[in-house]
């Protein structure tokens, strides 16, 4: 039952809807390392409003997959995910 709850929690990006893309990404990155041996650092500019709402969930999932791949394949002690605003792009 716990595993099912974790899967559902992972599918529903409630932070994205409530807090915005920037805070949701920071929270997701920081929590990625909480149960692993890799310490994550988030270097994320304020990117709210850059992407259309319909694209925000896709970007969130891409970053989430990056964090999962780091955990799964890198065997790193530390990892940093950086997302920077460049004018109207990322």
PDB file of N, CA and C in Angstrom:
ATOM      1  N   UNK A   1       0.820  -1.189   0.000  1.00  0.00           N
ATOM      2  CA  UNK A   1       0.000   0.000   0.000  1.00  0.00           C
ATOM      3  C   UNK A   1       0.875   1.269   0.000  1.00  0.00           C
ATOM      4  N   UNK A   2       1.963   1.210   0.758  1.00  0.00           N
ATOM      5  CA  UNK A   2       2.877   2.355   0.810  1.00  0.00           C
ATOM      6  C   UNK A   2       3.462   2.647  -0.565  1.00  0.00           C
ATOM      7  N   UNK A   3       3.828   1.582  -1.270  1.00  0.00           N
ATOM      8  CA  UNK A   3       4.417   1.750  -2.600  1.00  0.00           C
ATOM      9  C   UNK A   3       3.415   2.385  -3.568  1.00  0.00           C
ATOM     10  N   UNK A   4       2.171   1.975  -3.487  1.00  0.00           N
ATOM     11  CA  UNK A   4       1.132   2.544  -4.351  1.00  0.00           C
ATOM     12  C   UNK A   4       0.941   4.025  -4.040  1.00  0.00           C
ATOM     13  N   UNK A   5       0.945   4.369  -2.749  1.00  0.00           N
ATOM     14  CA  UNK A   5       0.808   5.770  -2.365  1.00  0.00           C
ATOM     15  C   UNK A   5       1.972   6.598  -2.901  1.00  0.00           C
ATOM     16  N   UNK A   6       3.188   6.055  -2.846  1.00  0.00           N
ATOM     17  CA  UNK A   6       4.354   6.769  -3.365  1.00  0.00           C
ATOM     18  C   UNK A   6       4.246   6.969  -4.868  1.00  0.00           C
ATOM     19  N   UNK A   7       3.753   5.968  -5.582  1.00  0.00           N
ATOM     20  CA  UNK A   7       3.579   6.092  -7.031  1.00  0.00           C
ATOM     21  C   UNK A   7       2.556   7.171  -7.346  1.00  0.00           C
ATOM     22  N   UNK A   8       1.439   7.154  -6.644  1.00  0.00           N
ATOM     23  CA  UNK A   8       0.407   8.169  -6.867  1.00  0.00           C
ATOM     24  C   UNK A   8       0.927   9.565  -6.545  1.00  0.00           C
ATOM     25  N   UNK A   9       1.668   9.659  -5.466  1.00  0.00           N
ATOM     26  CA  UNK A   9       2.247  10.940  -5.068  1.00  0.00           C
ATOM     27  C   UNK A   9       3.200  11.448  -6.152  1.00  0.00           C
ATOM     28  N   UNK A  10       3.959  10.531  -6.729  1.00  0.00           N
ATOM     29  CA  UNK A  10       4.895  10.899  -7.781  1.00  0.00           C
ATOM     30  C   UNK A  10       4.217  11.323  -9.065  1.00  0.00           C
ATOM     31  N   UNK A  11       3.049  10.779  -9.359  1.00  0.00           N
ATOM     32  CA  UNK A  11       2.331  11.120 -10.581  1.00  0.00           C
ATOM     33  C   UNK A  11       1.626  12.469 -10.481  1.00  0.00           C
ATOM     34  N   UNK A  12       1.169  12.774  -9.315  1.00  0.00           N
ATOM     35  CA  UNK A  12       0.405  13.994  -9.104  1.00  0.00           C
ATOM     36  C   UNK A  12       1.347  15.101  -8.634  1.00  0.00           C
ATOM     37  N   UNK A  13       1.671  15.994  -9.496  1.00  0.00           N
ATOM     38  CA  UNK A  13       2.603  17.063  -9.149  1.00  0.00           C
ATOM     39  C   UNK A  13       1.828  18.194  -8.470  1.00  0.00           C
ATOM     40  N   UNK A  14       1.315  17.911  -7.268  1.00  0.00           N
ATOM     41  CA  UNK A  14       0.493  18.900  -6.572  1.00  0.00           C
ATOM     42  C   UNK A  14       1.283  20.173  -6.266  1.00  0.00           C
ATOM     43  N   UNK A  15       2.583  20.040  -6.025  1.00  0.00           N
ATOM     44  CA  UNK A  15       3.405  21.220  -5.748  1.00  0.00           C
ATOM     45  C   UNK A  15       3.410  22.167  -6.933  1.00  0.00           C
ATOM     46  N   UNK A  16       3.407  21.603  -8.110  1.00  0.00           N
ATOM     47  CA  UNK A  16       3.416  22.414  -9.333  1.00  0.00           C
ATOM     48  C   UNK A  16       2.162  23.283  -9.392  1.00  0.00           C
ATOM     49  N   UNK A  17       1.021  22.705  -9.097  1.00  0.00           N
ATOM     50  CA  UNK A  17      -0.241  23.453  -9.134  1.00  0.00           C
ATOM     51  C   UNK A  17      -0.326  24.484  -8.014  1.00  0.00           C
ATOM     52  N   UNK A  18       0.159  24.131  -6.848  1.00  0.00           N
ATOM     53  CA  UNK A  18       0.004  25.006  -5.682  1.00  0.00           C
ATOM     54  C   UNK A  18       1.109  26.051  -5.550  1.00  0.00           C
ATOM     55  N   UNK A  19       2.330  25.671  -5.853  1.00  0.00           N
ATOM     56  CA  UNK A  19       3.467  26.522  -5.531  1.00  0.00           C
ATOM     57  C   UNK A  19       4.173  27.127  -6.735  1.00  0.00           C
ATOM     58  N   UNK A  20       3.928  26.610  -7.910  1.00  0.00           N
ATOM     59  CA  UNK A  20       4.603  27.084  -9.105  1.00  0.00           C
ATOM     60  C   UNK A  20       5.778  26.191  -9.484  1.00  0.00           C
ATOM     61  N   UNK A  21       6.248  26.359 -10.688  1.00  0.00           N
ATOM     62  CA  UNK A  21       7.284  25.497 -11.254  1.00  0.00           C
ATOM     63  C   UNK A  21       8.604  25.602 -10.493  1.00  0.00           C
ATOM     64  N   UNK A  22       9.032  26.798 -10.165  1.00  0.00           N
ATOM     65  CA  UNK A  22      10.330  26.989  -9.522  1.00  0.00           C
ATOM     66  C   UNK A  22      10.406  26.262  -8.182  1.00  0.00           C
ATOM     67  N   UNK A  23       9.466  26.505  -7.313  1.00  0.00           N
ATOM     68  CA  UNK A  23       9.477  25.880  -5.983  1.00  0.00           C
ATOM     69  C   UNK A  23       9.251  24.380  -6.097  1.00  0.00           C
ATOM     70  N   UNK A  24       8.381  23.959  -7.010  1.00  0.00           N
ATOM     71  CA  UNK A  24       8.129  22.525  -7.193  1.00  0.00           C
ATOM     72  C   UNK A  24       9.400  21.800  -7.626  1.00  0.00           C
ATOM     73  N   UNK A  25      10.158  22.398  -8.528  1.00  0.00           N
ATOM     74  CA  UNK A  25      11.407  21.778  -8.974  1.00  0.00           C
ATOM     75  C   UNK A  25      12.437  21.727  -7.849  1.00  0.00           C
ATOM     76  N   UNK A  26      12.583  22.830  -7.133  1.00  0.00           N
ATOM     77  CA  UNK A  26      13.539  22.850  -6.022  1.00  0.00           C
ATOM     78  C   UNK A  26      13.202  21.778  -4.995  1.00  0.00           C
ATOM     79  N   UNK A  27      11.932  21.671  -4.651  1.00  0.00           N
ATOM     80  CA  UNK A  27      11.503  20.677  -3.655  1.00  0.00           C
ATOM     81  C   UNK A  27      11.732  19.261  -4.163  1.00  0.00           C
ATOM     82  N   UNK A  28      11.431  19.018  -5.428  1.00  0.00           N
ATOM     83  CA  UNK A  28      11.619  17.687  -5.997  1.00  0.00           C
ATOM     84  C   UNK A  28      13.093  17.300  -6.016  1.00  0.00           C
ATOM     85  N   UNK A  29      13.963  18.223  -6.418  1.00  0.00           N
ATOM     86  CA  UNK A  29      15.403  17.937  -6.474  1.00  0.00           C
ATOM     87  C   UNK A  29      15.938  17.660  -5.076  1.00  0.00           C
ATOM     88  N   UNK A  30      15.574  18.491  -4.130  1.00  0.00           N
ATOM     89  CA  UNK A  30      16.056  18.310  -2.764  1.00  0.00           C
ATOM     90  C   UNK A  30      15.552  17.006  -2.152  1.00  0.00           C
ATOM     91  N   UNK A  31      14.325  16.636  -2.454  1.00  0.00           N
ATOM     92  CA  UNK A  31      13.795  15.390  -1.890  1.00  0.00           C
ATOM     93  C   UNK A  31      14.330  14.157  -2.615  1.00  0.00           C
ATOM     94  N   UNK A  32      14.869  14.330  -3.813  1.00  0.00           N
ATOM     95  CA  UNK A  32      15.409  13.185  -4.555  1.00  0.00           C
ATOM     96  C   UNK A  32      16.539  12.498  -3.807  1.00  0.00           C
ATOM     97  N   UNK A  33      17.344  13.261  -3.141  1.00  0.00           N
ATOM     98  CA  UNK A  33      18.476  12.695  -2.433  1.00  0.00           C
ATOM     99  C   UNK A  33      18.188  12.329  -0.992  1.00  0.00           C
ATOM    100  N   UNK A  34      16.979  12.588  -0.523  1.00  0.00           N
ATOM    101  CA  UNK A  34      16.691  12.373   0.895  1.00  0.00           C
ATOM    102  C   UNK A  34      16.753  10.906   1.305  1.00  0.00           C
ATOM    103  N   UNK A  35      16.472  10.002   0.390  1.00  0.00           N
ATOM    104  CA  UNK A  35      16.510   8.584   0.749  1.00  0.00           C
ATOM    105  C   UNK A  35      17.613   7.842   0.002  1.00  0.00           C
ATOM    106  N   UNK A  36      18.580   8.586  -0.505  1.00  0.00           N
ATOM    107  CA  UNK A  36      19.656   7.974  -1.284  1.00  0.00           C
ATOM    108  C   UNK A  36      21.003   8.435  -0.748  1.00  0.00           C
ATOM    109  N   UNK A  37      22.031   7.853  -1.283  1.00  0.00           N
ATOM    110  CA  UNK A  37      23.382   8.218  -0.852  1.00  0.00           C
ATOM    111  C   UNK A  37      23.924   9.423  -1.620  1.00  0.00           C
ATOM    112  N   UNK A  38      23.169   9.930  -2.571  1.00  0.00           N
ATOM    113  CA  UNK A  38      23.577  11.105  -3.342  1.00  0.00           C
ATOM    114  C   UNK A  38      22.949  12.352  -2.730  1.00  0.00           C
ATOM    115  N   UNK A  39      23.759  13.349  -2.469  1.00  0.00           N
ATOM    116  CA  UNK A  39      23.258  14.629  -1.984  1.00  0.00           C
ATOM    117  C   UNK A  39      23.016  15.533  -3.176  1.00  0.00           C
ATOM    118  N   UNK A  40      21.796  16.024  -3.302  1.00  0.00           N
ATOM    119  CA  UNK A  40      21.431  16.890  -4.422  1.00  0.00           C
ATOM    120  C   UNK A  40      21.444  18.349  -4.001  1.00  0.00           C
ATOM    121  N   UNK A  41      21.849  19.190  -4.935  1.00  0.00           N
ATOM    122  CA  UNK A  41      21.786  20.633  -4.764  1.00  0.00           C
ATOM    123  C   UNK A  41      20.998  21.193  -5.945  1.00  0.00           C
ATOM    124  N   UNK A  42      20.119  22.131  -5.659  1.00  0.00           N
ATOM    125  CA  UNK A  42      19.307  22.756  -6.702  1.00  0.00           C
ATOM    126  C   UNK A  42      19.765  24.188  -6.910  1.00  0.00           C
ATOM    127  N   UNK A  43      20.164  24.504  -8.118  1.00  0.00           N
ATOM    128  CA  UNK A  43      20.550  25.858  -8.509  1.00  0.00           C
ATOM    129  C   UNK A  43      19.569  26.276  -9.596  1.00  0.00           C
ATOM    130  N   UNK A  44      18.410  26.761  -9.169  1.00  0.00           N
ATOM    131  CA  UNK A  44      17.305  26.997 -10.100  1.00  0.00           C
ATOM    132  C   UNK A  44      16.851  28.448  -9.996  1.00  0.00           C
ATOM    133  N   UNK A  45      16.948  29.169 -11.112  1.00  0.00           N
ATOM    134  CA  UNK A  45      16.446  30.540 -11.178  1.00  0.00           C
ATOM    135  C   UNK A  45      14.926  30.534 -11.051  1.00  0.00           C
ATOM    136  N   UNK A  46      14.364  31.708 -10.827  1.00  0.00           N
ATOM    137  CA  UNK A  46      12.910  31.854 -10.843  1.00  0.00           C
ATOM    138  C   UNK A  46      12.457  31.724 -12.299  1.00  0.00           C
ATOM    139  N   UNK A  47      11.802  30.626 -12.597  1.00  0.00           N
ATOM    140  CA  UNK A  47      11.407  30.358 -13.986  1.00  0.00           C
ATOM    141  C   UNK A  47       9.891  30.319 -14.160  1.00  0.00           C
ATOM    142  N   UNK A  48       9.163  30.745 -13.148  1.00  0.00           N
ATOM    143  CA  UNK A  48       7.707  30.769 -13.267  1.00  0.00           C
ATOM    144  C   UNK A  48       7.292  31.708 -14.392  1.00  0.00           C
ATOM    145  N   UNK A  49       6.362  31.255 -15.202  1.00  0.00           N
ATOM    146  CA  UNK A  49       5.825  32.074 -16.276  1.00  0.00           C
ATOM    147  C   UNK A  49       6.575  32.008 -17.588  1.00  0.00           C
ATOM    148  N   UNK A  50       7.709  31.329 -17.619  1.00  0.00           N
ATOM    149  CA  UNK A  50       8.449  31.233 -18.888  1.00  0.00           C
ATOM    150  C   UNK A  50       7.770  30.246 -19.833  1.00  0.00           C
ATOM    151  N   UNK A  51       7.359  29.116 -19.297  1.00  0.00           N
ATOM    152  CA  UNK A  51       6.733  28.071 -20.108  1.00  0.00           C
ATOM    153  C   UNK A  51       5.216  28.183 -20.027  1.00  0.00           C
ATOM    154  N   UNK A  52       4.534  27.779 -21.089  1.00  0.00           N
ATOM    155  CA  UNK A  52       3.075  27.695 -20.989  1.00  0.00           C
ATOM    156  C   UNK A  52       2.705  26.653 -19.923  1.00  0.00           C
ATOM    157  N   UNK A  53       1.572  26.858 -19.269  1.00  0.00           N
ATOM    158  CA  UNK A  53       1.128  25.927 -18.219  1.00  0.00           C
ATOM    159  C   UNK A  53       1.104  24.482 -18.721  1.00  0.00           C
ATOM    160  N   UNK A  54       0.721  24.292 -19.963  1.00  0.00           N
ATOM    161  CA  UNK A  54       0.645  22.933 -20.515  1.00  0.00           C
ATOM    162  C   UNK A  54       2.015  22.283 -20.638  1.00  0.00           C
ATOM    163  N   UNK A  55       3.077  23.079 -20.737  1.00  0.00           N
ATOM    164  CA  UNK A  55       4.437  22.542 -20.880  1.00  0.00           C
ATOM    165  C   UNK A  55       5.147  22.390 -19.541  1.00  0.00           C
ATOM    166  N   UNK A  56       4.654  23.041 -18.499  1.00  0.00           N
ATOM    167  CA  UNK A  56       5.324  22.982 -17.201  1.00  0.00           C
ATOM    168  C   UNK A  56       5.413  21.561 -16.663  1.00  0.00           C
ATOM    169  N   UNK A  57       4.342  20.787 -16.779  1.00  0.00           N
ATOM    170  CA  UNK A  57       4.368  19.412 -16.268  1.00  0.00           C
ATOM    171  C   UNK A  57       5.377  18.575 -17.032  1.00  0.00           C
ATOM    172  N   UNK A  58       5.500  18.810 -18.330  1.00  0.00           N
ATOM    173  CA  UNK A  58       6.489  18.073 -19.128  1.00  0.00           C
ATOM    174  C   UNK A  58       7.909  18.419 -18.689  1.00  0.00           C
ATOM    175  N   UNK A  59       8.171  19.696 -18.472  1.00  0.00           N
ATOM    176  CA  UNK A  59       9.497  20.106 -18.014  1.00  0.00           C
ATOM    177  C   UNK A  59       9.785  19.528 -16.635  1.00  0.00           C
ATOM    178  N   UNK A  60       8.799  19.565 -15.758  1.00  0.00           N
ATOM    179  CA  UNK A  60       8.936  18.988 -14.419  1.00  0.00           C
ATOM    180  C   UNK A  60       9.308  17.509 -14.513  1.00  0.00           C
ATOM    181  N   UNK A  61       8.617  16.774 -15.361  1.00  0.00           N
ATOM    182  CA  UNK A  61       8.887  15.337 -15.519  1.00  0.00           C
ATOM    183  C   UNK A  61      10.273  15.083 -16.122  1.00  0.00           C
ATOM    184  N   UNK A  62      10.724  15.932 -17.022  1.00  0.00           N
ATOM    185  CA  UNK A  62      12.072  15.789 -17.599  1.00  0.00           C
ATOM    186  C   UNK A  62      13.127  15.941 -16.508  1.00  0.00           C
ATOM    187  N   UNK A  63      12.987  16.966 -15.678  1.00  0.00           N
ATOM    188  CA  UNK A  63      13.949  17.178 -14.594  1.00  0.00           C
ATOM    189  C   UNK A  63      13.864  16.026 -13.596  1.00  0.00           C
ATOM    190  N   UNK A  64      12.667  15.554 -13.326  1.00  0.00           N
ATOM    191  CA  UNK A  64      12.486  14.420 -12.418  1.00  0.00           C
ATOM    192  C   UNK A  64      13.196  13.182 -12.960  1.00  0.00           C
ATOM    193  N   UNK A  65      13.086  12.947 -14.246  1.00  0.00           N
ATOM    194  CA  UNK A  65      13.750  11.800 -14.862  1.00  0.00           C
ATOM    195  C   UNK A  65      15.269  11.967 -14.809  1.00  0.00           C
ATOM    196  N   UNK A  66      15.751  13.181 -14.987  1.00  0.00           N
ATOM    197  CA  UNK A  66      17.199  13.444 -14.855  1.00  0.00           C
ATOM    198  C   UNK A  66      17.679  13.081 -13.458  1.00  0.00           C
ATOM    199  N   UNK A  67      16.946  13.508 -12.451  1.00  0.00           N
ATOM    200  CA  UNK A  67      17.323  13.195 -11.061  1.00  0.00           C
ATOM    201  C   UNK A  67      17.293  11.687 -10.829  1.00  0.00           C
ATOM    202  N   UNK A  68      16.276  11.024 -11.339  1.00  0.00           N
ATOM    203  CA  UNK A  68      16.192   9.560 -11.185  1.00  0.00           C
ATOM    204  C   UNK A  68      17.356   8.864 -11.882  1.00  0.00           C
ATOM    205  N   UNK A  69      17.738   9.344 -13.053  1.00  0.00           N
ATOM    206  CA  UNK A  69      18.870   8.742 -13.769  1.00  0.00           C
ATOM    207  C   UNK A  69      20.184   8.961 -13.029  1.00  0.00           C
ATOM    208  N   UNK A  70      20.334  10.121 -12.418  1.00  0.00           N
ATOM    209  CA  UNK A  70      21.530  10.370 -11.618  1.00  0.00           C
ATOM    210  C   UNK A  70      21.599   9.360 -10.479  1.00  0.00           C
ATOM    211  N   UNK A  71      20.485   9.191  -9.780  1.00  0.00           N
ATOM    212  CA  UNK A  71      20.446   8.242  -8.667  1.00  0.00           C
ATOM    213  C   UNK A  71      20.705   6.811  -9.124  1.00  0.00           C
ATOM    214  N   UNK A  72      20.143   6.468 -10.242  1.00  0.00           N
ATOM    215  CA  UNK A  72      20.190   5.083 -10.715  1.00  0.00           C
ATOM    216  C   UNK A  72      21.543   4.710 -11.315  1.00  0.00           C
ATOM    217  N   UNK A  73      22.173   5.641 -12.013  1.00  0.00           N
ATOM    218  CA  UNK A  73      23.324   5.273 -12.835  1.00  0.00           C
ATOM    219  C   UNK A  73      24.660   5.933 -12.467  1.00  0.00           C
ATOM    220  N   UNK A  74      24.650   7.039 -11.740  1.00  0.00           N
ATOM    221  CA  UNK A  74      25.895   7.796 -11.610  1.00  0.00           C
ATOM    222  C   UNK A  74      26.807   7.349 -10.483  1.00  0.00           C
ATOM    223  N   UNK A  75      26.252   6.792  -9.438  1.00  0.00           N
ATOM    224  CA  UNK A  75      27.016   6.434  -8.244  1.00  0.00           C
ATOM    225  C   UNK A  75      27.754   7.648  -7.683  1.00  0.00           C
ATOM    226  N   UNK A  76      27.164   8.824  -7.844  1.00  0.00           N
ATOM    227  CA  UNK A  76      27.773  10.066  -7.376  1.00  0.00           C
ATOM    228  C   UNK A  76      27.438  10.317  -5.910  1.00  0.00           C
ATOM    229  N   UNK A  77      28.370  10.946  -5.208  1.00  0.00           N
ATOM    230  CA  UNK A  77      28.118  11.365  -3.835  1.00  0.00           C
ATOM    231  C   UNK A  77      27.308  12.658  -3.805  1.00  0.00           C
ATOM    232  N   UNK A  78      27.553  13.504  -4.790  1.00  0.00           N
ATOM    233  CA  UNK A  78      26.867  14.789  -4.890  1.00  0.00           C
ATOM    234  C   UNK A  78      26.433  15.029  -6.332  1.00  0.00           C
ATOM    235  N   UNK A  79      25.320  15.761  -6.459  1.00  0.00           N
ATOM    236  CA  UNK A  79      24.832  16.130  -7.792  1.00  0.00           C
ATOM    237  C   UNK A  79      24.184  17.506  -7.699  1.00  0.00           C
ATOM    238  N   UNK A  80      24.315  18.269  -8.763  1.00  0.00           N
ATOM    239  CA  UNK A  80      23.704  19.595  -8.818  1.00  0.00           C
ATOM    240  C   UNK A  80      22.868  19.669 -10.089  1.00  0.00           C
ATOM    241  N   UNK A  81      21.646  20.114  -9.914  1.00  0.00           N
ATOM    242  CA  UNK A  81      20.790  20.365 -11.066  1.00  0.00           C
ATOM    243  C   UNK A  81      20.635  21.874 -11.170  1.00  0.00           C
ATOM    244  N   UNK A  82      21.074  22.408 -12.304  1.00  0.00           N
ATOM    245  CA  UNK A  82      21.038  23.852 -12.542  1.00  0.00           C
ATOM    246  C   UNK A  82      20.091  24.160 -13.683  1.00  0.00           C
ATOM    247  N   UNK A  83      19.208  25.105 -13.440  1.00  0.00           N
ATOM    248  CA  UNK A  83      18.278  25.573 -14.475  1.00  0.00           C
ATOM    249  C   UNK A  83      18.334  27.099 -14.419  1.00  0.00           C
ATOM    250  N   UNK A  84      18.736  27.682 -15.536  1.00  0.00           N
ATOM    251  CA  UNK A  84      18.917  29.126 -15.563  1.00  0.00           C
ATOM    252  C   UNK A  84      18.056  29.777 -16.627  1.00  0.00           C
ATOM    253  N   UNK A  85      17.551  30.921 -16.285  1.00  0.00           N
ATOM    254  CA  UNK A  85      16.736  31.718 -17.184  1.00  0.00           C
ATOM    255  C   UNK A  85      17.670  32.458 -18.133  1.00  0.00           C
ATOM    256  N   UNK A  86      17.352  32.423 -19.401  1.00  0.00           N
ATOM    257  CA  UNK A  86      18.155  33.107 -20.420  1.00  0.00           C
ATOM    258  C   UNK A  86      17.184  33.906 -21.280  1.00  0.00           C
ATOM    259  N   UNK A  87      16.905  35.111 -20.842  1.00  0.00           N
ATOM    260  CA  UNK A  87      15.906  35.907 -21.548  1.00  0.00           C
ATOM    261  C   UNK A  87      14.546  35.270 -21.410  1.00  0.00           C
ATOM    262  N   UNK A  88      13.999  34.826 -22.539  1.00  0.00           N
ATOM    263  CA  UNK A  88      12.695  34.176 -22.531  1.00  0.00           C
ATOM    264  C   UNK A  88      12.794  32.663 -22.586  1.00  0.00           C
ATOM    265  N   UNK A  89      14.006  32.140 -22.435  1.00  0.00           N
ATOM    266  CA  UNK A  89      14.206  30.697 -22.508  1.00  0.00           C
ATOM    267  C   UNK A  89      14.894  30.157 -21.276  1.00  0.00           C
ATOM    268  N   UNK A  90      15.118  28.873 -21.297  1.00  0.00           N
ATOM    269  CA  UNK A  90      15.794  28.185 -20.192  1.00  0.00           C
ATOM    270  C   UNK A  90      17.072  27.558 -20.700  1.00  0.00           C
TER     271      UNK A  90
END
